[in-house]
PDB file of N, CA and C in Angstrom:
ATOM      1  N   MET A   1      28.293  47.896 -40.856  1.00  0.00           N
ATOM      2  CA  MET A   1      27.244  47.632 -41.837  1.00  0.00           C
ATOM      3  C   MET A   1      26.830  46.159 -41.826  1.00  0.00           C
ATOM      4  N   THR A   2      27.782  45.294 -41.546  1.00  0.00           N
ATOM      5  CA  THR A   2      27.460  43.870 -41.525  1.00  0.00           C
ATOM      6  C   THR A   2      26.504  43.531 -40.383  1.00  0.00           C
ATOM      7  N   PHE A   3      26.561  44.323 -39.296  1.00  0.00           N
ATOM      8  CA  PHE A   3      25.629  44.090 -38.187  1.00  0.00           C
ATOM      9  C   PHE A   3      24.196  44.298 -38.637  1.00  0.00           C
ATOM     10  N   ILE A   4      23.941  45.361 -39.406  1.00  0.00           N
ATOM     11  CA  ILE A   4      22.584  45.680 -39.851  1.00  0.00           C
ATOM     12  C   ILE A   4      22.091  44.641 -40.857  1.00  0.00           C
ATOM     13  N   LYS A   5      22.970  44.106 -41.670  1.00  0.00           N
ATOM     14  CA  LYS A   5      22.558  43.161 -42.706  1.00  0.00           C
ATOM     15  C   LYS A   5      22.439  41.728 -42.209  1.00  0.00           C
ATOM     16  N   ARG A   6      23.245  41.350 -41.202  1.00  0.00           N
ATOM     17  CA  ARG A   6      23.254  39.951 -40.786  1.00  0.00           C
ATOM     18  C   ARG A   6      22.761  39.737 -39.363  1.00  0.00           C
ATOM     19  N   GLN A   7      23.408  40.371 -38.408  1.00  0.00           N
ATOM     20  CA  GLN A   7      23.098  40.075 -37.017  1.00  0.00           C
ATOM     21  C   GLN A   7      21.748  40.639 -36.580  1.00  0.00           C
ATOM     22  N   LEU A   8      21.420  41.859 -36.982  1.00  0.00           N
ATOM     23  CA  LEU A   8      20.162  42.463 -36.552  1.00  0.00           C
ATOM     24  C   LEU A   8      18.937  41.661 -37.012  1.00  0.00           C
ATOM     25  N   PRO A   9      18.853  41.249 -38.287  1.00  0.00           N
ATOM     26  CA  PRO A   9      17.706  40.411 -38.669  1.00  0.00           C
ATOM     27  C   PRO A   9      17.645  39.093 -37.897  1.00  0.00           C
ATOM     28  N   LEU A  10      18.814  38.505 -37.620  1.00  0.00           N
ATOM     29  CA  LEU A  10      18.824  37.260 -36.849  1.00  0.00           C
ATOM     30  C   LEU A  10      18.342  37.483 -35.423  1.00  0.00           C
ATOM     31  N   ILE A  11      18.744  38.585 -34.823  1.00  0.00           N
ATOM     32  CA  ILE A  11      18.300  38.907 -33.467  1.00  0.00           C
ATOM     33  C   ILE A  11      16.795  39.131 -33.437  1.00  0.00           C
ATOM     34  N   ILE A  12      16.294  39.877 -34.415  1.00  0.00           N
ATOM     35  CA  ILE A  12      14.848  40.153 -34.468  1.00  0.00           C
ATOM     36  C   ILE A  12      14.070  38.854 -34.659  1.00  0.00           C
ATOM     37  N   CYS A  13      14.507  37.998 -35.581  1.00  0.00           N
ATOM     38  CA  CYS A  13      13.813  36.724 -35.811  1.00  0.00           C
ATOM     39  C   CYS A  13      13.857  35.841 -34.574  1.00  0.00           C
ATOM     40  N   PHE A  14      14.998  35.820 -33.883  1.00  0.00           N
ATOM     41  CA  PHE A  14      15.118  35.014 -32.677  1.00  0.00           C
ATOM     42  C   PHE A  14      14.159  35.509 -31.599  1.00  0.00           C
ATOM     43  N   LEU A  15      14.118  36.828 -31.389  1.00  0.00           N
ATOM     44  CA  LEU A  15      13.242  37.387 -30.358  1.00  0.00           C
ATOM     45  C   LEU A  15      11.764  37.158 -30.684  1.00  0.00           C
ATOM     46  N   VAL A  16      11.392  37.335 -31.942  1.00  0.00           N
ATOM     47  CA  VAL A  16      10.002  37.104 -32.339  1.00  0.00           C
ATOM     48  C   VAL A  16       9.658  35.626 -32.182  1.00  0.00           C
ATOM     49  N   GLY A  17      10.583  34.747 -32.521  1.00  0.00           N
ATOM     50  CA  GLY A  17      10.356  33.321 -32.336  1.00  0.00           C
ATOM     51  C   GLY A  17      10.168  32.957 -30.874  1.00  0.00           C
ATOM     52  N   ILE A  18      10.966  33.556 -30.002  1.00  0.00           N
ATOM     53  CA  ILE A  18      10.823  33.314 -28.564  1.00  0.00           C
ATOM     54  C   ILE A  18       9.451  33.790 -28.087  1.00  0.00           C
ATOM     55  N   VAL A  19       9.047  34.981 -28.521  1.00  0.00           N
ATOM     56  CA  VAL A  19       7.741  35.519 -28.108  1.00  0.00           C
ATOM     57  C   VAL A  19       6.615  34.596 -28.568  1.00  0.00           C
ATOM     58  N   PHE A  20       6.679  34.116 -29.812  1.00  0.00           N
ATOM     59  CA  PHE A  20       5.628  33.227 -30.301  1.00  0.00           C
ATOM     60  C   PHE A  20       5.637  31.882 -29.584  1.00  0.00           C
ATOM     61  N   ALA A  21       6.818  31.382 -29.265  1.00  0.00           N
ATOM     62  CA  ALA A  21       6.885  30.114 -28.533  1.00  0.00           C
ATOM     63  C   ALA A  21       6.291  30.275 -27.141  1.00  0.00           C
ATOM     64  N   ILE A  22       6.610  31.363 -26.467  1.00  0.00           N
ATOM     65  CA  ILE A  22       6.045  31.621 -25.138  1.00  0.00           C
ATOM     66  C   ILE A  22       4.535  31.813 -25.238  1.00  0.00           C
ATOM     67  N   GLN A  23       4.096  32.527 -26.256  1.00  0.00           N
ATOM     68  CA  GLN A  23       2.661  32.778 -26.440  1.00  0.00           C
ATOM     69  C   GLN A  23       1.905  31.476 -26.602  1.00  0.00           C
ATOM     70  N   TYR A  24       2.508  30.505 -27.272  1.00  0.00           N
ATOM     71  CA  TYR A  24       1.832  29.236 -27.522  1.00  0.00           C
ATOM     72  C   TYR A  24       1.560  28.481 -26.220  1.00  0.00           C
ATOM     73  N   TYR A  25       2.469  28.603 -25.258  1.00  0.00           N
ATOM     74  CA  TYR A  25       2.346  27.845 -24.010  1.00  0.00           C
ATOM     75  C   TYR A  25       1.696  28.629 -22.879  1.00  0.00           C
ATOM     76  N   VAL A  26       1.358  29.900 -23.092  1.00  0.00           N
ATOM     77  CA  VAL A  26       0.748  30.712 -22.040  1.00  0.00           C
ATOM     78  C   VAL A  26      -0.705  30.994 -22.433  1.00  0.00           C
ATOM     79  N   PRO A  27      -1.653  30.280 -21.850  1.00  0.00           N
ATOM     80  CA  PRO A  27      -3.064  30.495 -22.211  1.00  0.00           C
ATOM     81  C   PRO A  27      -3.661  31.670 -21.429  1.00  0.00           C
ATOM     82  N   HIS A  28      -3.330  32.873 -21.859  1.00  0.00           N
ATOM     83  CA  HIS A  28      -3.811  34.074 -21.190  1.00  0.00           C
ATOM     84  C   HIS A  28      -4.478  34.970 -22.235  1.00  0.00           C
ATOM     85  N   GLN A  29      -5.435  35.775 -21.824  1.00  0.00           N
ATOM     86  CA  GLN A  29      -6.171  36.632 -22.763  1.00  0.00           C
ATOM     87  C   GLN A  29      -5.238  37.634 -23.452  1.00  0.00           C
ATOM     88  N   PHE A  30      -4.289  38.203 -22.695  1.00  0.00           N
ATOM     89  CA  PHE A  30      -3.326  39.133 -23.299  1.00  0.00           C
ATOM     90  C   PHE A  30      -2.526  38.443 -24.401  1.00  0.00           C
ATOM     91  N   SER A  31      -2.147  37.205 -24.158  1.00  0.00           N
ATOM     92  CA  SER A  31      -1.392  36.434 -25.136  1.00  0.00           C
ATOM     93  C   SER A  31      -2.211  36.206 -26.410  1.00  0.00           C
ATOM     94  N   GLU A  32      -3.471  35.871 -26.243  1.00  0.00           N
ATOM     95  CA  GLU A  32      -4.353  35.667 -27.405  1.00  0.00           C
ATOM     96  C   GLU A  32      -4.576  36.967 -28.176  1.00  0.00           C
ATOM     97  N   ASP A  33      -4.779  38.067 -27.451  1.00  0.00           N
ATOM     98  CA  ASP A  33      -4.974  39.368 -28.104  1.00  0.00           C
ATOM     99  C   ASP A  33      -3.731  39.796 -28.870  1.00  0.00           C
ATOM    100  N   MET A  34      -2.551  39.549 -28.281  1.00  0.00           N
ATOM    101  CA  MET A  34      -1.301  39.900 -28.939  1.00  0.00           C
ATOM    102  C   MET A  34      -1.145  39.095 -30.225  1.00  0.00           C
ATOM    103  N   LEU A  35      -1.447  37.803 -30.183  1.00  0.00           N
ATOM    104  CA  LEU A  35      -1.338  36.967 -31.368  1.00  0.00           C
ATOM    105  C   LEU A  35      -2.291  37.442 -32.467  1.00  0.00           C
ATOM    106  N   THR A  36      -3.500  37.788 -32.093  1.00  0.00           N
ATOM    107  CA  THR A  36      -4.479  38.286 -33.066  1.00  0.00           C
ATOM    108  C   THR A  36      -3.995  39.586 -33.707  1.00  0.00           C
ATOM    109  N   GLU A  37      -3.474  40.493 -32.908  1.00  0.00           N
ATOM    110  CA  GLU A  37      -2.988  41.777 -33.432  1.00  0.00           C
ATOM    111  C   GLU A  37      -1.791  41.577 -34.358  1.00  0.00           C
ATOM    112  N   ILE A  38      -0.874  40.718 -33.968  1.00  0.00           N
ATOM    113  CA  ILE A  38       0.301  40.456 -34.810  1.00  0.00           C
ATOM    114  C   ILE A  38      -0.110  39.776 -36.113  1.00  0.00           C
ATOM    115  N   ASN A  39      -1.048  38.857 -36.050  1.00  0.00           N
ATOM    116  CA  ASN A  39      -1.538  38.213 -37.280  1.00  0.00           C
ATOM    117  C   ASN A  39      -2.192  39.222 -38.215  1.00  0.00           C
ATOM    118  N   ASN A  40      -2.929  40.181 -37.662  1.00  0.00           N
ATOM    119  CA  ASN A  40      -3.528  41.225 -38.495  1.00  0.00           C
ATOM    120  C   ASN A  40      -2.445  42.051 -39.185  1.00  0.00           C
ATOM    121  N   TRP A  41      -1.378  42.380 -38.464  1.00  0.00           N
ATOM    122  CA  TRP A  41      -0.284  43.135 -39.068  1.00  0.00           C
ATOM    123  C   TRP A  41       0.425  42.312 -40.134  1.00  0.00           C
ATOM    124  N   PHE A  42       0.588  41.016 -39.898  1.00  0.00           N
ATOM    125  CA  PHE A  42       1.202  40.156 -40.910  1.00  0.00           C
ATOM    126  C   PHE A  42       0.387  40.144 -42.198  1.00  0.00           C
ATOM    127  N   ILE A  43      -0.922  40.153 -42.072  1.00  0.00           N
ATOM    128  CA  ILE A  43      -1.788  40.174 -43.250  1.00  0.00           C
ATOM    129  C   ILE A  43      -1.606  41.476 -44.021  1.00  0.00           C
ATOM    130  N   VAL A  44      -1.596  42.594 -43.316  1.00  0.00           N
ATOM    131  CA  VAL A  44      -1.433  43.899 -43.968  1.00  0.00           C
ATOM    132  C   VAL A  44      -0.074  43.993 -44.652  1.00  0.00           C
ATOM    133  N   ILE A  45       0.981  43.593 -43.963  1.00  0.00           N
ATOM    134  CA  ILE A  45       2.327  43.643 -44.548  1.00  0.00           C
ATOM    135  C   ILE A  45       2.418  42.701 -45.740  1.00  0.00           C
ATOM    136  N   GLY A  46       1.789  41.540 -45.647  1.00  0.00           N
ATOM    137  CA  GLY A  46       1.798  40.589 -46.756  1.00  0.00           C
ATOM    138  C   GLY A  46       1.105  41.132 -47.990  1.00  0.00           C
ATOM    139  N   ILE A  47       0.002  41.838 -47.787  1.00  0.00           N
ATOM    140  CA  ILE A  47      -0.714  42.428 -48.928  1.00  0.00           C
ATOM    141  C   ILE A  47       0.156  43.481 -49.611  1.00  0.00           C
ATOM    142  N   PHE A  48       0.775  44.362 -48.827  1.00  0.00           N
ATOM    143  CA  PHE A  48       1.643  45.376 -49.422  1.00  0.00           C
ATOM    144  C   PHE A  48       2.847  44.743 -50.118  1.00  0.00           C
ATOM    145  N   ALA A  49       3.425  43.703 -49.542  1.00  0.00           N
ATOM    146  CA  ALA A  49       4.564  43.029 -50.164  1.00  0.00           C
ATOM    147  C   ALA A  49       4.153  42.367 -51.484  1.00  0.00           C
ATOM    148  N   THR A  50       2.970  41.793 -51.525  1.00  0.00           N
ATOM    149  CA  THR A  50       2.478  41.170 -52.755  1.00  0.00           C
ATOM    150  C   THR A  50       2.258  42.209 -53.847  1.00  0.00           C
ATOM    151  N   ILE A  51       1.654  43.330 -53.490  1.00  0.00           N
ATOM    152  CA  ILE A  51       1.424  44.399 -54.470  1.00  0.00           C
ATOM    153  C   ILE A  51       2.748  44.938 -54.987  1.00  0.00           C
ATOM    154  N   LEU A  52       3.696  45.182 -54.078  1.00  0.00           N
ATOM    155  CA  LEU A  52       4.998  45.687 -54.481  1.00  0.00           C
ATOM    156  C   LEU A  52       5.731  44.679 -55.367  1.00  0.00           C
ATOM    157  N   GLY A  53       5.653  43.401 -55.033  1.00  0.00           N
ATOM    158  CA  GLY A  53       6.282  42.369 -55.846  1.00  0.00           C
ATOM    159  C   GLY A  53       5.671  42.262 -57.234  1.00  0.00           C
ATOM    160  N   LEU A  54       4.346  42.329 -57.302  1.00  0.00           N
ATOM    161  CA  LEU A  54       3.683  42.289 -58.612  1.00  0.00           C
ATOM    162  C   LEU A  54       4.076  43.482 -59.469  1.00  0.00           C
ATOM    163  N   TYR A  55       4.104  44.665 -58.859  1.00  0.00           N
ATOM    164  CA  TYR A  55       4.511  45.863 -59.606  1.00  0.00           C
ATOM    165  C   TYR A  55       5.940  45.706 -60.120  1.00  0.00           C
ATOM    166  N   SER A  56       6.824  45.223 -59.270  1.00  0.00           N
ATOM    167  CA  SER A  56       8.226  45.087 -59.635  1.00  0.00           C
ATOM    168  C   SER A  56       8.414  44.105 -60.787  1.00  0.00           C
ATOM    169  N   ILE A  57       7.776  42.956 -60.685  1.00  0.00           N
ATOM    170  CA  ILE A  57       7.958  41.939 -61.728  1.00  0.00           C
ATOM    171  C   ILE A  57       7.299  42.379 -63.041  1.00  0.00           C
ATOM    172  N   LEU A  58       6.151  43.037 -62.971  1.00  0.00           N
ATOM    173  CA  LEU A  58       5.509  43.523 -64.196  1.00  0.00           C
ATOM    174  C   LEU A  58       6.334  44.636 -64.836  1.00  0.00           C
ATOM    175  N   HIS A  59       6.892  45.525 -64.025  1.00  0.00           N
ATOM    176  CA  HIS A  59       7.717  46.619 -64.546  1.00  0.00           C
ATOM    177  C   HIS A  59       8.972  46.074 -65.232  1.00  0.00           C
ATOM    178  N   LEU A  60       9.627  45.105 -64.612  1.00  0.00           N
ATOM    179  CA  LEU A  60      10.836  44.524 -65.165  1.00  0.00           C
ATOM    180  C   LEU A  60      10.554  43.826 -66.498  1.00  0.00           C
ATOM    181  N   HIS A  61       9.519  43.000 -66.529  1.00  0.00           N
ATOM    182  CA  HIS A  61       9.255  42.220 -67.734  1.00  0.00           C
ATOM    183  C   HIS A  61       8.582  43.052 -68.826  1.00  0.00           C
ATOM    184  N   ALA A  62       7.871  44.092 -68.457  1.00  0.00           N
ATOM    185  CA  ALA A  62       7.323  44.993 -69.480  1.00  0.00           C
ATOM    186  C   ALA A  62       8.462  45.706 -70.198  1.00  0.00           C
ATOM    187  N   GLY A  63       9.507  46.058 -69.472  1.00  0.00           N
ATOM    188  CA  GLY A  63      10.681  46.670 -70.106  1.00  0.00           C
ATOM    189  C   GLY A  63      11.379  45.707 -71.053  1.00  0.00           C
ATOM    190  N   LYS A  64      11.464  44.444 -70.676  1.00  0.00           N
ATOM    191  CA  LYS A  64      12.072  43.442 -71.563  1.00  0.00           C
ATOM    192  C   LYS A  64      11.263  43.288 -72.840  1.00  0.00           C
ATOM    193  N   ILE A  65       9.936  43.296 -72.702  1.00  0.00           N
ATOM    194  CA  ILE A  65       9.073  43.159 -73.892  1.00  0.00           C
ATOM    195  C   ILE A  65       9.191  44.403 -74.763  1.00  0.00           C
ATOM    196  N   LYS A  66       9.209  45.571 -74.133  1.00  0.00           N
ATOM    197  CA  LYS A  66       9.275  46.829 -74.883  1.00  0.00           C
ATOM    198  C   LYS A  66      10.559  46.921 -75.705  1.00  0.00           C
ATOM    199  N   HIS A  67      11.680  46.512 -75.126  1.00  0.00           N
ATOM    200  CA  HIS A  67      12.966  46.600 -75.818  1.00  0.00           C
ATOM    201  C   HIS A  67      13.315  45.309 -76.553  1.00  0.00           C
ATOM    202  N   GLN A  68      12.449  44.332 -76.499  1.00  0.00           N
ATOM    203  CA  GLN A  68      12.642  43.017 -77.116  1.00  0.00           C
ATOM    204  C   GLN A  68      14.022  42.457 -76.800  1.00  0.00           C
ATOM    205  N   SER A  69      14.320  42.420 -75.500  1.00  0.00           N
ATOM    206  CA  SER A  69      15.579  41.847 -75.023  1.00  0.00           C
ATOM    207  C   SER A  69      15.555  40.330 -75.196  1.00  0.00           C
ATOM    208  N   VAL A  70      16.694  39.720 -74.935  1.00  0.00           N
ATOM    209  CA  VAL A  70      16.794  38.266 -75.045  1.00  0.00           C
ATOM    210  C   VAL A  70      15.792  37.627 -74.079  1.00  0.00           C
ATOM    211  N   GLY A  71      14.972  36.729 -74.577  1.00  0.00           N
ATOM    212  CA  GLY A  71      13.987  36.037 -73.758  1.00  0.00           C
ATOM    213  C   GLY A  71      12.711  36.824 -73.529  1.00  0.00           C
ATOM    214  N   TRP A  72      12.426  37.795 -74.380  1.00  0.00           N
ATOM    215  CA  TRP A  72      11.244  38.620 -74.158  1.00  0.00           C
ATOM    216  C   TRP A  72       9.953  37.828 -74.340  1.00  0.00           C
ATOM    217  N   GLY A  73       9.999  36.748 -75.079  1.00  0.00           N
ATOM    218  CA  GLY A  73       8.815  35.901 -75.239  1.00  0.00           C
ATOM    219  C   GLY A  73       8.415  35.246 -73.926  1.00  0.00           C
ATOM    220  N   PHE A  74       9.415  34.861 -73.141  1.00  0.00           N
ATOM    221  CA  PHE A  74       9.126  34.280 -71.831  1.00  0.00           C
ATOM    222  C   PHE A  74       8.498  35.320 -70.900  1.00  0.00           C
ATOM    223  N   SER A  75       8.953  36.572 -71.050  1.00  0.00           N
ATOM    224  CA  SER A  75       8.372  37.651 -70.255  1.00  0.00           C
ATOM    225  C   SER A  75       6.908  37.865 -70.629  1.00  0.00           C
ATOM    226  N   LEU A  76       6.614  37.734 -71.907  1.00  0.00           N
ATOM    227  CA  LEU A  76       5.231  37.871 -72.364  1.00  0.00           C
ATOM    228  C   LEU A  76       4.363  36.754 -71.795  1.00  0.00           C
ATOM    229  N   VAL A  77       4.890  35.545 -71.813  1.00  0.00           N
ATOM    230  CA  VAL A  77       4.162  34.416 -71.234  1.00  0.00           C
ATOM    231  C   VAL A  77       3.938  34.635 -69.749  1.00  0.00           C
ATOM    232  N   LEU A  78       4.951  35.150 -69.054  1.00  0.00           N
ATOM    233  CA  LEU A  78       4.830  35.417 -67.619  1.00  0.00           C
ATOM    234  C   LEU A  78       3.727  36.434 -67.337  1.00  0.00           C
ATOM    235  N   ILE A  79       3.703  37.515 -68.090  1.00  0.00           N
ATOM    236  CA  ILE A  79       2.685  38.549 -67.858  1.00  0.00           C
ATOM    237  C   ILE A  79       1.291  38.007 -68.129  1.00  0.00           C
ATOM    238  N   PHE A  80       1.126  37.245 -69.215  1.00  0.00           N
ATOM    239  CA  PHE A  80      -0.184  36.646 -69.492  1.00  0.00           C
ATOM    240  C   PHE A  80      -0.574  35.635 -68.414  1.00  0.00           C
ATOM    241  N   SER A  81       0.397  34.928 -67.895  1.00  0.00           N
ATOM    242  CA  SER A  81       0.112  33.967 -66.830  1.00  0.00           C
ATOM    243  C   SER A  81      -0.332  34.668 -65.548  1.00  0.00           C
ATOM    244  N   ILE A  82       0.321  35.781 -65.229  1.00  0.00           N
ATOM    245  CA  ILE A  82      -0.080  36.555 -64.035  1.00  0.00           C
ATOM    246  C   ILE A  82      -1.488  37.093 -64.202  1.00  0.00           C
ATOM    247  N   ILE A  83      -1.786  37.635 -65.368  1.00  0.00           N
ATOM    248  CA  ILE A  83      -3.130  38.167 -65.629  1.00  0.00           C
ATOM    249  C   ILE A  83      -4.163  37.043 -65.560  1.00  0.00           C
ATOM    250  N   GLY A  84      -3.844  35.894 -66.154  1.00  0.00           N
ATOM    251  CA  GLY A  84      -4.760  34.754 -66.099  1.00  0.00           C
ATOM    252  C   GLY A  84      -4.981  34.274 -64.675  1.00  0.00           C
ATOM    253  N   THR A  85      -3.935  34.270 -63.874  1.00  0.00           N
ATOM    254  CA  THR A  85      -4.084  33.850 -62.467  1.00  0.00           C
ATOM    255  C   THR A  85      -4.953  34.827 -61.707  1.00  0.00           C
ATOM    256  N   LEU A  86      -4.773  36.111 -61.951  1.00  0.00           N
ATOM    257  CA  LEU A  86      -5.574  37.119 -61.255  1.00  0.00           C
ATOM    258  C   LEU A  86      -7.053  37.034 -61.642  1.00  0.00           C
ATOM    259  N   ILE A  87      -7.294  36.706 -62.905  1.00  0.00           N
ATOM    260  CA  ILE A  87      -8.694  36.603 -63.360  1.00  0.00           C
ATOM    261  C   ILE A  87      -9.303  35.353 -62.769  1.00  0.00           C
TER     262      ILE A  87
END
């Protein structure tokens, strides 16, 4: 289990870093197309991660406000701040 949690992510990051480093120094059309495609995927994954993160944080703090847990006022400020930022 430790391999999946520690070594595998490190291996993937290392390999992706090597590919990007090679791509930077190889001025070829395939290299440029690959970079464009990967950047498009990064944008899509980033959008989904942002939506999931917003849902998670709003769900957590809405529960704190609903049950008036310790620090629920800060949760209220956080939710209003997120809404204000989005507007």
